[in-house]
Amino acid sequence: MKKIRLYFAMFAVAFGTLTSGCSKAQQASNSSDEEPVTPDSISNKKVLIVYLSRTNNTKAIAQMIQQEVGGTMVALELVNPYPENYQAIVAQVSRENETGFLPSLKTKIDSIVSYDVIFIGFPTWGMQLPPPMKSFLSQNDLRGKTIVPFNTNAGYGLGSTIQTVKELAPNSTILKEFSITGGIERDGVLFVMEGEKEKQAKEQIQTWLKSINLKE
């Protein structure tokens, strides 16, 4: 019993906030040899921004990205929403990760094939990609698309999230991700993307977009 309680405590720490938000931009390599889109071409591309958010920090980052590159913004919603209670969702997501369960999505994106550049935003949950984002990547054919990940976390980093994105979208070009820390739901720290934090996030996003040639 002590081992079970210890495991749960360690998982809760790793789980961190469920839609965290704000630190340094961290980057990963492209998953293919294709050339990334350039500032001259992004204006001619159809952009989609898909995000999963619980405490609205990831949503805030999605909005900031949209302000810079435009595009359509869509929130991932579940057929059966996660519980509001923090401990309950920690336990549920742990079970889903262990079993490989992919929750059904309420969100349906019409004509996803028509989009060229797809930003995907997600928090780090249990040091893994959240099950709903796994559902999105598994249920949609994104071959030939340029995928741009962005992440919020509770200070524990990206975990295995980017590797999972690459595994679930093997025929897409994966650009360098943006990652930032902020809220810690476990500690009652929820939305943090305001004031000086918001200003810093916007500056970091601009720098990141320039580094991946999506902004001049």
N, C-alpha and C. Protein backbone atom coordinates (compact mmCIF):
# COMPACT_ATOMS: atom_id res chain seq x y z
N MET A 1 0.83 -1.21 0.00
CA MET A 1 0.00 0.00 0.00
C MET A 1 0.86 1.26 0.00
N LYS A 2 1.96 1.21 0.75
CA LYS A 2 2.85 2.37 0.77
C LYS A 2 3.41 2.63 -0.62
N LYS A 3 3.75 1.54 -1.36
CA LYS A 3 4.30 1.71 -2.70
C LYS A 3 3.27 2.35 -3.62
N ILE A 4 2.02 1.95 -3.46
CA ILE A 4 0.97 2.53 -4.31
C ILE A 4 0.82 4.01 -4.04
N ARG A 5 0.80 4.38 -2.74
CA ARG A 5 0.67 5.80 -2.41
C ARG A 5 1.86 6.59 -2.91
N LEU A 6 3.08 6.00 -2.82
CA LEU A 6 4.27 6.69 -3.29
C LEU A 6 4.22 6.90 -4.78
N TYR A 7 3.78 5.87 -5.53
CA TYR A 7 3.66 5.99 -6.98
C TYR A 7 2.70 7.09 -7.36
N PHE A 8 1.55 7.12 -6.70
CA PHE A 8 0.54 8.13 -7.02
C PHE A 8 1.07 9.54 -6.75
N ALA A 9 1.80 9.69 -5.65
CA ALA A 9 2.36 11.01 -5.31
C ALA A 9 3.38 11.44 -6.35
N MET A 10 4.22 10.51 -6.78
CA MET A 10 5.23 10.85 -7.80
C MET A 10 4.57 11.20 -9.11
N PHE A 11 3.49 10.47 -9.46
CA PHE A 11 2.79 10.77 -10.71
C PHE A 11 2.14 12.13 -10.66
N ALA A 12 1.57 12.47 -9.52
CA ALA A 12 0.90 13.77 -9.38
C ALA A 12 1.89 14.90 -9.56
N VAL A 13 3.11 14.71 -9.03
CA VAL A 13 4.14 15.75 -9.20
C VAL A 13 4.50 15.88 -10.66
N ALA A 14 4.69 14.73 -11.33
CA ALA A 14 5.07 14.76 -12.74
C ALA A 14 3.95 15.32 -13.59
N PHE A 15 2.70 15.03 -13.18
CA PHE A 15 1.54 15.49 -13.94
C PHE A 15 1.48 17.00 -13.99
N GLY A 16 1.87 17.64 -12.88
CA GLY A 16 1.92 19.09 -12.83
C GLY A 16 0.59 19.71 -13.15
N THR A 17 0.62 20.87 -13.74
CA THR A 17 -0.62 21.54 -14.10
C THR A 17 -1.19 20.94 -15.37
N LEU A 18 -2.49 20.97 -15.53
CA LEU A 18 -3.13 20.33 -16.67
C LEU A 18 -3.32 21.24 -17.86
N THR A 19 -3.06 22.48 -17.70
CA THR A 19 -2.94 23.35 -18.88
C THR A 19 -1.99 24.46 -18.54
N SER A 20 -0.88 24.15 -18.12
CA SER A 20 0.08 25.04 -17.55
C SER A 20 0.37 26.25 -18.40
N GLY A 21 1.35 26.91 -18.09
CA GLY A 21 1.77 27.93 -18.98
C GLY A 21 2.98 28.75 -18.80
N CYS A 22 4.12 29.07 -18.73
CA CYS A 22 5.01 30.08 -19.24
C CYS A 22 6.49 29.97 -18.87
N SER A 23 7.54 29.60 -19.68
CA SER A 23 8.98 29.66 -19.40
C SER A 23 9.78 29.86 -20.65
N LYS A 24 10.86 29.12 -20.84
CA LYS A 24 11.70 29.32 -22.00
C LYS A 24 11.21 28.49 -23.17
N ALA A 25 11.40 29.03 -24.37
CA ALA A 25 11.06 28.25 -25.55
C ALA A 25 12.09 27.15 -25.70
N GLN A 26 11.62 25.91 -25.85
CA GLN A 26 12.51 24.79 -26.05
C GLN A 26 12.27 24.27 -27.44
N GLN A 27 13.31 23.70 -28.09
CA GLN A 27 13.17 23.36 -29.49
C GLN A 27 13.56 21.92 -29.78
N ALA A 28 12.90 21.35 -30.80
CA ALA A 28 13.21 20.00 -31.24
C ALA A 28 13.45 20.03 -32.74
N SER A 29 14.06 18.98 -33.28
CA SER A 29 14.44 18.95 -34.68
C SER A 29 13.27 18.58 -35.57
N ASN A 30 13.36 18.95 -36.86
CA ASN A 30 12.38 18.51 -37.84
C ASN A 30 12.45 17.01 -37.94
N SER A 31 11.32 16.37 -38.21
CA SER A 31 11.29 14.92 -38.29
C SER A 31 11.49 14.42 -39.71
N SER A 32 11.69 15.31 -40.66
CA SER A 32 11.94 14.88 -42.04
C SER A 32 12.93 15.82 -42.68
N ASP A 33 13.28 15.51 -43.92
CA ASP A 33 14.26 16.33 -44.65
C ASP A 33 13.59 17.43 -45.45
N GLU A 34 12.28 17.56 -45.36
CA GLU A 34 11.57 18.59 -46.11
C GLU A 34 11.94 19.97 -45.57
N GLU A 35 11.91 20.94 -46.47
CA GLU A 35 12.21 22.30 -46.07
C GLU A 35 11.04 22.89 -45.29
N PRO A 36 11.31 23.60 -44.18
CA PRO A 36 10.21 24.23 -43.44
C PRO A 36 9.62 25.37 -44.25
N VAL A 37 8.39 25.72 -43.96
CA VAL A 37 7.78 26.85 -44.65
C VAL A 37 8.55 28.12 -44.31
N THR A 38 8.52 29.08 -45.20
CA THR A 38 9.26 30.32 -45.02
C THR A 38 8.29 31.47 -44.84
N PRO A 39 8.76 32.62 -44.32
CA PRO A 39 7.87 33.77 -44.15
C PRO A 39 7.14 34.15 -45.43
N ASP A 40 7.82 34.02 -46.58
CA ASP A 40 7.20 34.39 -47.84
C ASP A 40 6.05 33.45 -48.20
N SER A 41 6.15 32.19 -47.74
CA SER A 41 5.13 31.22 -48.13
C SER A 41 4.01 31.08 -47.11
N ILE A 42 4.24 31.47 -45.87
CA ILE A 42 3.22 31.25 -44.83
C ILE A 42 1.95 32.03 -45.14
N SER A 43 2.09 33.18 -45.77
CA SER A 43 0.90 33.98 -46.09
C SER A 43 0.04 33.28 -47.14
N ASN A 44 0.63 32.35 -47.87
CA ASN A 44 -0.10 31.62 -48.90
C ASN A 44 -0.57 30.25 -48.41
N LYS A 45 -0.31 29.97 -47.13
CA LYS A 45 -0.68 28.68 -46.56
C LYS A 45 -1.93 28.81 -45.71
N LYS A 46 -2.71 27.74 -45.65
CA LYS A 46 -3.88 27.72 -44.79
C LYS A 46 -3.45 27.16 -43.44
N VAL A 47 -3.68 27.94 -42.38
CA VAL A 47 -3.18 27.61 -41.05
C VAL A 47 -4.30 27.18 -40.11
N LEU A 48 -4.05 26.10 -39.37
CA LEU A 48 -4.97 25.61 -38.35
C LEU A 48 -4.24 25.55 -37.02
N ILE A 49 -4.88 26.02 -35.96
CA ILE A 49 -4.31 25.97 -34.61
C ILE A 49 -5.25 25.14 -33.75
N VAL A 50 -4.81 23.93 -33.39
CA VAL A 50 -5.60 23.01 -32.57
C VAL A 50 -4.96 22.93 -31.19
N TYR A 51 -5.76 23.10 -30.14
CA TYR A 51 -5.17 23.08 -28.81
C TYR A 51 -6.06 22.37 -27.80
N LEU A 52 -5.41 21.85 -26.76
CA LEU A 52 -6.09 21.26 -25.62
C LEU A 52 -5.74 22.10 -24.40
N SER A 53 -6.75 22.55 -23.66
CA SER A 53 -6.49 23.43 -22.52
C SER A 53 -7.45 23.11 -21.39
N ARG A 54 -6.96 23.19 -20.17
CA ARG A 54 -7.80 22.93 -19.00
C ARG A 54 -7.96 24.19 -18.15
N THR A 55 -6.85 24.88 -17.90
CA THR A 55 -6.91 26.11 -17.10
C THR A 55 -6.68 27.35 -17.96
N ASN A 56 -6.79 27.17 -19.27
CA ASN A 56 -6.75 28.27 -20.26
C ASN A 56 -5.38 28.85 -20.55
N ASN A 57 -4.32 28.26 -20.01
CA ASN A 57 -2.98 28.74 -20.33
C ASN A 57 -2.57 28.36 -21.76
N THR A 58 -2.83 27.11 -22.13
CA THR A 58 -2.53 26.69 -23.50
C THR A 58 -3.40 27.46 -24.50
N LYS A 59 -4.63 27.71 -24.12
CA LYS A 59 -5.52 28.50 -24.96
C LYS A 59 -4.95 29.90 -25.18
N ALA A 60 -4.41 30.50 -24.13
CA ALA A 60 -3.83 31.84 -24.24
C ALA A 60 -2.65 31.85 -25.20
N ILE A 61 -1.83 30.81 -25.14
CA ILE A 61 -0.69 30.72 -26.06
C ILE A 61 -1.20 30.55 -27.48
N ALA A 62 -2.24 29.75 -27.67
CA ALA A 62 -2.82 29.57 -29.00
C ALA A 62 -3.31 30.91 -29.56
N GLN A 63 -3.93 31.71 -28.71
CA GLN A 63 -4.41 33.02 -29.15
C GLN A 63 -3.26 33.94 -29.54
N MET A 64 -2.18 33.88 -28.79
CA MET A 64 -1.01 34.70 -29.11
C MET A 64 -0.41 34.28 -30.45
N ILE A 65 -0.37 32.98 -30.69
CA ILE A 65 0.15 32.49 -31.98
C ILE A 65 -0.75 32.94 -33.11
N GLN A 66 -2.06 32.87 -32.90
CA GLN A 66 -2.99 33.30 -33.93
C GLN A 66 -2.81 34.78 -34.26
N GLN A 67 -2.52 35.59 -33.26
CA GLN A 67 -2.29 37.01 -33.49
C GLN A 67 -1.08 37.24 -34.40
N GLU A 68 -0.14 36.31 -34.38
CA GLU A 68 1.08 36.46 -35.16
C GLU A 68 0.97 35.88 -36.57
N VAL A 69 0.26 34.74 -36.71
CA VAL A 69 0.24 34.05 -38.01
C VAL A 69 -1.15 33.90 -38.60
N GLY A 70 -2.18 34.31 -37.86
CA GLY A 70 -3.53 34.15 -38.37
C GLY A 70 -3.99 32.71 -38.28
N GLY A 71 -4.94 32.34 -39.10
CA GLY A 71 -5.41 30.96 -39.14
C GLY A 71 -6.67 30.72 -38.32
N THR A 72 -7.14 29.50 -38.38
CA THR A 72 -8.34 29.06 -37.67
C THR A 72 -7.93 28.39 -36.37
N MET A 73 -8.58 28.75 -35.26
CA MET A 73 -8.25 28.19 -33.96
C MET A 73 -9.38 27.29 -33.49
N VAL A 74 -9.04 26.07 -33.07
CA VAL A 74 -10.04 25.08 -32.65
C VAL A 74 -9.60 24.43 -31.34
N ALA A 75 -10.51 24.37 -30.37
CA ALA A 75 -10.24 23.70 -29.10
C ALA A 75 -10.65 22.24 -29.19
N LEU A 76 -9.82 21.34 -28.65
CA LEU A 76 -10.18 19.93 -28.59
C LEU A 76 -11.13 19.71 -27.42
N GLU A 77 -12.28 19.14 -27.70
CA GLU A 77 -13.26 18.82 -26.66
C GLU A 77 -13.61 17.34 -26.74
N LEU A 78 -13.89 16.74 -25.59
CA LEU A 78 -14.16 15.31 -25.52
C LEU A 78 -15.66 15.02 -25.51
N VAL A 79 -16.03 13.86 -26.01
CA VAL A 79 -17.41 13.41 -25.90
C VAL A 79 -17.78 13.26 -24.43
N ASN A 80 -16.84 12.70 -23.66
CA ASN A 80 -17.02 12.55 -22.21
C ASN A 80 -15.92 13.36 -21.52
N PRO A 81 -16.22 14.58 -21.12
CA PRO A 81 -15.21 15.47 -20.53
C PRO A 81 -14.55 14.86 -19.28
N TYR A 82 -13.32 15.28 -19.05
CA TYR A 82 -12.62 14.85 -17.85
C TYR A 82 -13.27 15.46 -16.62
N PRO A 83 -13.12 14.81 -15.45
CA PRO A 83 -13.69 15.37 -14.22
C PRO A 83 -13.00 16.68 -13.84
N GLU A 84 -13.71 17.52 -13.13
CA GLU A 84 -13.14 18.79 -12.69
C GLU A 84 -12.12 18.58 -11.56
N ASN A 85 -12.35 17.58 -10.74
CA ASN A 85 -11.46 17.31 -9.61
C ASN A 85 -10.07 16.92 -10.09
N TYR A 86 -9.06 17.58 -9.55
CA TYR A 86 -7.68 17.37 -10.00
C TYR A 86 -7.21 15.93 -9.79
N GLN A 87 -7.42 15.40 -8.58
CA GLN A 87 -6.96 14.04 -8.29
C GLN A 87 -7.67 13.03 -9.18
N ALA A 88 -8.93 13.28 -9.48
CA ALA A 88 -9.70 12.37 -10.31
C ALA A 88 -9.17 12.33 -11.74
N ILE A 89 -8.82 13.49 -12.28
CA ILE A 89 -8.30 13.50 -13.64
C ILE A 89 -6.90 12.92 -13.70
N VAL A 90 -6.10 13.13 -12.66
CA VAL A 90 -4.78 12.52 -12.60
C VAL A 90 -4.90 11.00 -12.69
N ALA A 91 -5.80 10.45 -11.90
CA ALA A 91 -6.00 9.00 -11.89
C ALA A 91 -6.51 8.49 -13.23
N GLN A 92 -7.46 9.22 -13.83
CA GLN A 92 -8.04 8.79 -15.10
C GLN A 92 -7.01 8.82 -16.22
N VAL A 93 -6.25 9.90 -16.30
CA VAL A 93 -5.24 10.00 -17.35
C VAL A 93 -4.16 8.94 -17.17
N SER A 94 -3.82 8.64 -15.93
CA SER A 94 -2.84 7.58 -15.65
C SER A 94 -3.32 6.25 -16.22
N ARG A 95 -4.61 5.94 -16.00
CA ARG A 95 -5.17 4.69 -16.52
C ARG A 95 -5.17 4.69 -18.05
N GLU A 96 -5.52 5.83 -18.64
CA GLU A 96 -5.56 5.90 -20.10
C GLU A 96 -4.17 5.72 -20.71
N ASN A 97 -3.16 6.31 -20.08
CA ASN A 97 -1.79 6.15 -20.57
C ASN A 97 -1.32 4.71 -20.44
N GLU A 98 -1.67 4.08 -19.34
CA GLU A 98 -1.25 2.69 -19.10
C GLU A 98 -1.90 1.72 -20.09
N THR A 99 -3.14 1.97 -20.43
CA THR A 99 -3.88 1.04 -21.30
C THR A 99 -3.84 1.43 -22.77
N GLY A 100 -3.38 2.65 -23.06
CA GLY A 100 -3.38 3.10 -24.45
C GLY A 100 -4.74 3.57 -24.93
N PHE A 101 -5.64 3.81 -23.98
CA PHE A 101 -7.00 4.25 -24.33
C PHE A 101 -6.97 5.64 -24.97
N LEU A 102 -7.71 5.80 -26.07
CA LEU A 102 -7.82 7.09 -26.74
C LEU A 102 -9.25 7.60 -26.60
N PRO A 103 -9.46 8.68 -25.86
CA PRO A 103 -10.81 9.20 -25.66
C PRO A 103 -11.43 9.72 -26.95
N SER A 104 -12.74 9.56 -27.06
CA SER A 104 -13.46 10.03 -28.24
C SER A 104 -13.54 11.56 -28.23
N LEU A 105 -13.31 12.15 -29.38
CA LEU A 105 -13.34 13.60 -29.50
C LEU A 105 -14.70 14.10 -29.98
N LYS A 106 -15.19 15.11 -29.30
CA LYS A 106 -16.40 15.80 -29.74
C LYS A 106 -16.06 16.72 -30.90
N THR A 107 -14.85 17.24 -30.89
CA THR A 107 -14.39 18.19 -31.90
C THR A 107 -14.17 17.48 -33.24
N LYS A 108 -14.79 18.00 -34.27
CA LYS A 108 -14.61 17.50 -35.62
C LYS A 108 -14.18 18.69 -36.50
N ILE A 109 -13.11 18.51 -37.24
CA ILE A 109 -12.60 19.59 -38.08
C ILE A 109 -12.90 19.27 -39.54
N ASP A 110 -13.75 20.10 -40.13
CA ASP A 110 -14.13 19.89 -41.53
C ASP A 110 -12.96 20.19 -42.45
N SER A 111 -12.81 19.35 -43.44
CA SER A 111 -11.81 19.58 -44.50
C SER A 111 -10.41 19.81 -43.94
N ILE A 112 -10.00 18.99 -42.98
CA ILE A 112 -8.66 19.18 -42.41
C ILE A 112 -7.59 18.99 -43.48
N VAL A 113 -7.93 18.25 -44.53
CA VAL A 113 -6.98 18.03 -45.61
C VAL A 113 -6.60 19.33 -46.30
N SER A 114 -7.45 20.36 -46.18
CA SER A 114 -7.18 21.62 -46.88
C SER A 114 -6.14 22.49 -46.17
N TYR A 115 -5.80 22.16 -44.93
CA TYR A 115 -4.83 22.96 -44.18
C TYR A 115 -3.40 22.52 -44.49
N ASP A 116 -2.52 23.52 -44.57
CA ASP A 116 -1.11 23.24 -44.89
C ASP A 116 -0.24 23.19 -43.64
N VAL A 117 -0.47 24.13 -42.73
CA VAL A 117 0.33 24.25 -41.51
C VAL A 117 -0.61 24.06 -40.32
N ILE A 118 -0.29 23.09 -39.45
CA ILE A 118 -1.15 22.79 -38.30
C ILE A 118 -0.36 22.94 -37.01
N PHE A 119 -0.71 23.96 -36.23
CA PHE A 119 -0.14 24.13 -34.90
C PHE A 119 -0.93 23.23 -33.94
N ILE A 120 -0.24 22.48 -33.09
CA ILE A 120 -0.93 21.67 -32.09
C ILE A 120 -0.42 22.06 -30.70
N GLY A 121 -1.35 22.46 -29.84
CA GLY A 121 -0.97 22.93 -28.50
C GLY A 121 -1.49 22.00 -27.42
N PHE A 122 -0.65 21.73 -26.44
CA PHE A 122 -1.02 20.77 -25.39
C PHE A 122 -0.18 20.99 -24.14
N PRO A 123 -0.73 20.66 -22.97
CA PRO A 123 0.06 20.65 -21.75
C PRO A 123 0.80 19.32 -21.63
N THR A 124 1.78 19.25 -20.76
CA THR A 124 2.44 17.99 -20.44
C THR A 124 1.66 17.34 -19.30
N TRP A 125 1.14 16.14 -19.53
CA TRP A 125 0.39 15.42 -18.50
C TRP A 125 1.13 14.14 -18.15
N GLY A 126 1.59 14.01 -16.92
CA GLY A 126 2.31 12.81 -16.53
C GLY A 126 3.55 12.58 -17.36
N MET A 127 4.18 13.68 -17.81
CA MET A 127 5.36 13.66 -18.67
C MET A 127 5.08 13.04 -20.04
N GLN A 128 3.81 13.01 -20.41
CA GLN A 128 3.42 12.44 -21.70
C GLN A 128 2.50 13.38 -22.45
N LEU A 129 2.27 13.04 -23.73
CA LEU A 129 1.29 13.77 -24.54
C LEU A 129 -0.10 13.41 -24.02
N PRO A 130 -0.97 14.38 -23.78
CA PRO A 130 -2.31 14.08 -23.28
C PRO A 130 -3.08 13.15 -24.22
N PRO A 131 -3.83 12.20 -23.68
CA PRO A 131 -4.61 11.28 -24.50
C PRO A 131 -5.48 11.95 -25.57
N PRO A 132 -6.15 13.08 -25.28
CA PRO A 132 -6.96 13.71 -26.34
C PRO A 132 -6.14 14.14 -27.55
N MET A 133 -4.91 14.60 -27.32
CA MET A 133 -4.07 14.99 -28.46
C MET A 133 -3.60 13.75 -29.21
N LYS A 134 -3.39 12.65 -28.49
CA LYS A 134 -3.07 11.38 -29.16
C LYS A 134 -4.24 10.98 -30.05
N SER A 135 -5.45 11.18 -29.55
CA SER A 135 -6.65 10.87 -30.35
C SER A 135 -6.67 11.69 -31.62
N PHE A 136 -6.41 12.98 -31.49
CA PHE A 136 -6.44 13.87 -32.66
C PHE A 136 -5.43 13.44 -33.71
N LEU A 137 -4.20 13.17 -33.29
CA LEU A 137 -3.16 12.79 -34.24
C LEU A 137 -3.41 11.42 -34.84
N SER A 138 -4.04 10.53 -34.07
CA SER A 138 -4.31 9.18 -34.55
C SER A 138 -5.49 9.13 -35.52
N GLN A 139 -6.45 10.03 -35.32
CA GLN A 139 -7.69 9.97 -36.09
C GLN A 139 -7.67 10.82 -37.36
N ASN A 140 -6.63 11.61 -37.54
CA ASN A 140 -6.56 12.48 -38.72
C ASN A 140 -5.32 12.18 -39.54
N ASP A 141 -5.52 12.12 -40.85
CA ASP A 141 -4.41 11.87 -41.76
C ASP A 141 -3.70 13.20 -42.03
N LEU A 142 -2.52 13.36 -41.44
CA LEU A 142 -1.78 14.62 -41.56
C LEU A 142 -0.55 14.47 -42.43
N ARG A 143 -0.52 13.46 -43.26
CA ARG A 143 0.65 13.28 -44.12
C ARG A 143 0.84 14.48 -45.04
N GLY A 144 2.08 14.89 -45.17
CA GLY A 144 2.40 16.03 -46.02
C GLY A 144 2.18 17.38 -45.36
N LYS A 145 1.61 17.38 -44.16
CA LYS A 145 1.36 18.65 -43.46
C LYS A 145 2.61 19.09 -42.70
N THR A 146 2.69 20.39 -42.45
CA THR A 146 3.72 20.92 -41.56
C THR A 146 3.08 21.08 -40.19
N ILE A 147 3.59 20.36 -39.20
CA ILE A 147 3.05 20.39 -37.85
C ILE A 147 3.98 21.19 -36.94
N VAL A 148 3.37 22.09 -36.17
CA VAL A 148 4.15 22.96 -35.28
C VAL A 148 3.64 22.81 -33.85
N PRO A 149 4.35 22.07 -33.00
CA PRO A 149 3.87 21.86 -31.63
C PRO A 149 4.15 23.05 -30.72
N PHE A 150 3.23 23.30 -29.79
CA PHE A 150 3.51 24.24 -28.70
C PHE A 150 2.96 23.65 -27.41
N ASN A 151 3.67 23.92 -26.32
CA ASN A 151 3.45 23.19 -25.08
C ASN A 151 3.46 24.12 -23.86
N THR A 152 2.62 23.78 -22.88
CA THR A 152 2.71 24.43 -21.57
C THR A 152 2.93 23.33 -20.53
N ASN A 153 3.61 23.66 -19.46
CA ASN A 153 3.89 22.65 -18.44
C ASN A 153 4.09 23.30 -17.08
N ALA A 154 4.20 22.47 -16.07
CA ALA A 154 4.32 22.97 -14.70
C ALA A 154 5.77 23.12 -14.26
N GLY A 155 6.67 23.16 -15.21
CA GLY A 155 8.09 23.32 -14.89
C GLY A 155 8.88 22.04 -15.04
N TYR A 156 8.20 20.95 -15.44
CA TYR A 156 8.89 19.67 -15.59
C TYR A 156 9.28 19.38 -17.03
N GLY A 157 8.96 20.28 -17.93
CA GLY A 157 9.38 20.13 -19.31
C GLY A 157 8.44 19.36 -20.21
N LEU A 158 8.99 18.89 -21.32
CA LEU A 158 8.22 18.28 -22.39
C LEU A 158 7.99 16.78 -22.20
N GLY A 159 8.82 16.14 -21.39
CA GLY A 159 8.71 14.69 -21.25
C GLY A 159 8.85 14.02 -22.61
N SER A 160 7.98 13.06 -22.89
CA SER A 160 8.03 12.32 -24.15
C SER A 160 7.05 12.87 -25.19
N THR A 161 6.51 14.06 -24.95
CA THR A 161 5.44 14.58 -25.81
C THR A 161 5.85 14.70 -27.28
N ILE A 162 7.01 15.29 -27.55
CA ILE A 162 7.42 15.53 -28.94
C ILE A 162 7.72 14.22 -29.64
N GLN A 163 8.33 13.28 -28.95
CA GLN A 163 8.61 11.98 -29.55
C GLN A 163 7.30 11.30 -29.96
N THR A 164 6.28 11.42 -29.11
CA THR A 164 4.98 10.82 -29.44
C THR A 164 4.34 11.51 -30.65
N VAL A 165 4.47 12.83 -30.72
CA VAL A 165 3.96 13.55 -31.89
C VAL A 165 4.60 13.01 -33.16
N LYS A 166 5.91 12.82 -33.13
CA LYS A 166 6.62 12.31 -34.30
C LYS A 166 6.18 10.90 -34.66
N GLU A 167 5.92 10.09 -33.64
CA GLU A 167 5.49 8.71 -33.88
C GLU A 167 4.10 8.65 -34.49
N LEU A 168 3.21 9.57 -34.05
CA LEU A 168 1.84 9.56 -34.52
C LEU A 168 1.64 10.33 -35.82
N ALA A 169 2.65 11.10 -36.23
CA ALA A 169 2.57 11.84 -37.50
C ALA A 169 3.87 11.61 -38.28
N PRO A 170 4.15 10.36 -38.63
CA PRO A 170 5.44 10.02 -39.25
C PRO A 170 5.66 10.58 -40.64
N ASN A 171 4.58 10.95 -41.30
CA ASN A 171 4.71 11.45 -42.67
C ASN A 171 4.49 12.96 -42.76
N SER A 172 4.64 13.62 -41.62
CA SER A 172 4.50 15.08 -41.57
C SER A 172 5.86 15.70 -41.28
N THR A 173 5.99 16.97 -41.58
CA THR A 173 7.18 17.71 -41.21
C THR A 173 6.92 18.35 -39.84
N ILE A 174 7.70 17.97 -38.84
CA ILE A 174 7.52 18.50 -37.49
C ILE A 174 8.55 19.60 -37.25
N LEU A 175 8.09 20.83 -37.07
CA LEU A 175 9.00 21.94 -36.81
C LEU A 175 9.34 22.03 -35.32
N LYS A 176 10.29 22.85 -35.00
CA LYS A 176 10.73 23.04 -33.61
C LYS A 176 9.57 23.53 -32.75
N GLU A 177 9.44 22.95 -31.58
CA GLU A 177 8.32 23.27 -30.71
C GLU A 177 8.59 24.48 -29.82
N PHE A 178 7.52 25.02 -29.28
CA PHE A 178 7.59 26.08 -28.27
C PHE A 178 7.11 25.48 -26.96
N SER A 179 7.83 25.71 -25.87
CA SER A 179 7.43 25.19 -24.57
C SER A 179 7.62 26.26 -23.51
N ILE A 180 6.65 26.39 -22.64
CA ILE A 180 6.67 27.45 -21.64
C ILE A 180 5.99 26.96 -20.36
N THR A 181 6.44 27.42 -19.21
CA THR A 181 5.86 26.95 -17.95
C THR A 181 5.08 28.05 -17.26
N GLY A 182 4.23 27.65 -16.33
CA GLY A 182 3.42 28.65 -15.64
C GLY A 182 2.59 28.09 -14.52
N GLY A 183 1.31 27.84 -14.76
CA GLY A 183 0.40 27.39 -13.73
C GLY A 183 0.73 26.01 -13.18
N ILE A 184 0.39 25.80 -11.91
CA ILE A 184 0.60 24.50 -11.26
C ILE A 184 -0.71 24.15 -10.57
N GLU A 185 -1.57 23.44 -11.27
CA GLU A 185 -2.90 23.16 -10.74
C GLU A 185 -2.83 22.40 -9.42
N ARG A 186 -1.85 21.52 -9.30
CA ARG A 186 -1.70 20.76 -8.06
C ARG A 186 -1.60 21.66 -6.85
N ASP A 187 -0.99 22.83 -7.04
CA ASP A 187 -0.79 23.78 -5.95
C ASP A 187 -1.83 24.89 -5.95
N GLY A 188 -2.84 24.76 -6.79
CA GLY A 188 -3.88 25.78 -6.84
C GLY A 188 -3.52 26.99 -7.68
N VAL A 189 -2.42 26.92 -8.43
CA VAL A 189 -2.01 28.01 -9.31
C VAL A 189 -2.56 27.69 -10.69
N LEU A 190 -3.55 28.45 -11.12
CA LEU A 190 -4.22 28.13 -12.38
C LEU A 190 -3.78 29.06 -13.51
N PHE A 191 -4.64 29.96 -13.94
CA PHE A 191 -4.30 30.81 -15.09
C PHE A 191 -3.22 31.84 -14.72
N VAL A 192 -2.15 31.89 -15.53
CA VAL A 192 -1.04 32.80 -15.23
C VAL A 192 -0.67 33.71 -16.40
N MET A 193 -1.31 33.53 -17.55
CA MET A 193 -0.93 34.27 -18.74
C MET A 193 -1.52 35.68 -18.76
N GLU A 194 -1.06 36.49 -17.85
CA GLU A 194 -1.52 37.88 -17.79
C GLU A 194 -0.41 38.74 -17.23
N GLY A 195 -0.53 40.05 -17.43
CA GLY A 195 0.47 40.97 -16.93
C GLY A 195 1.84 40.74 -17.54
N GLU A 196 2.86 40.77 -16.70
CA GLU A 196 4.24 40.61 -17.16
C GLU A 196 4.46 39.24 -17.79
N LYS A 197 3.78 38.24 -17.25
CA LYS A 197 3.90 36.88 -17.79
C LYS A 197 3.43 36.83 -19.24
N GLU A 198 2.31 37.48 -19.49
CA GLU A 198 1.77 37.51 -20.85
C GLU A 198 2.73 38.23 -21.80
N LYS A 199 3.29 39.31 -21.34
CA LYS A 199 4.24 40.08 -22.16
C LYS A 199 5.45 39.22 -22.51
N GLN A 200 5.98 38.52 -21.52
CA GLN A 200 7.14 37.66 -21.76
C GLN A 200 6.79 36.54 -22.74
N ALA A 201 5.60 35.96 -22.58
CA ALA A 201 5.19 34.88 -23.47
C ALA A 201 5.10 35.37 -24.92
N LYS A 202 4.54 36.54 -25.13
CA LYS A 202 4.42 37.09 -26.48
C LYS A 202 5.78 37.30 -27.12
N GLU A 203 6.72 37.81 -26.34
CA GLU A 203 8.07 38.05 -26.86
C GLU A 203 8.75 36.73 -27.22
N GLN A 204 8.57 35.72 -26.37
CA GLN A 204 9.18 34.42 -26.64
C GLN A 204 8.56 33.76 -27.86
N ILE A 205 7.26 33.93 -28.03
CA ILE A 205 6.58 33.37 -29.20
C ILE A 205 7.08 34.02 -30.48
N GLN A 206 7.25 35.32 -30.47
CA GLN A 206 7.76 36.01 -31.65
C GLN A 206 9.16 35.52 -32.02
N THR A 207 10.01 35.36 -31.01
CA THR A 207 11.36 34.87 -31.24
C THR A 207 11.34 33.46 -31.81
N TRP A 208 10.48 32.62 -31.24
CA TRP A 208 10.36 31.24 -31.71
C TRP A 208 9.87 31.18 -33.15
N LEU A 209 8.84 31.95 -33.48
CA LEU A 209 8.29 31.92 -34.84
C LEU A 209 9.34 32.38 -35.87
N LYS A 210 10.14 33.33 -35.47
CA LYS A 210 11.22 33.77 -36.38
C LYS A 210 12.25 32.66 -36.55
N SER A 211 12.53 31.93 -35.48
CA SER A 211 13.56 30.89 -35.54
C SER A 211 13.15 29.73 -36.44
N ILE A 212 11.85 29.53 -36.63
CA ILE A 212 11.38 28.45 -37.49
C ILE A 212 10.84 28.99 -38.82
N ASN A 213 11.18 30.25 -39.10
CA ASN A 213 10.83 30.87 -40.37
C ASN A 213 9.34 31.00 -40.63
N LEU A 214 8.59 31.23 -39.56
CA LEU A 214 7.16 31.48 -39.75
C LEU A 214 6.82 32.94 -39.48
N LYS A 215 7.83 33.74 -39.25
CA LYS A 215 7.62 35.17 -39.05
C LYS A 215 8.90 35.90 -39.42
N GLU A 216 8.75 37.03 -40.09
CA GLU A 216 9.92 37.80 -40.49
C GLU A 216 10.49 38.59 -39.32
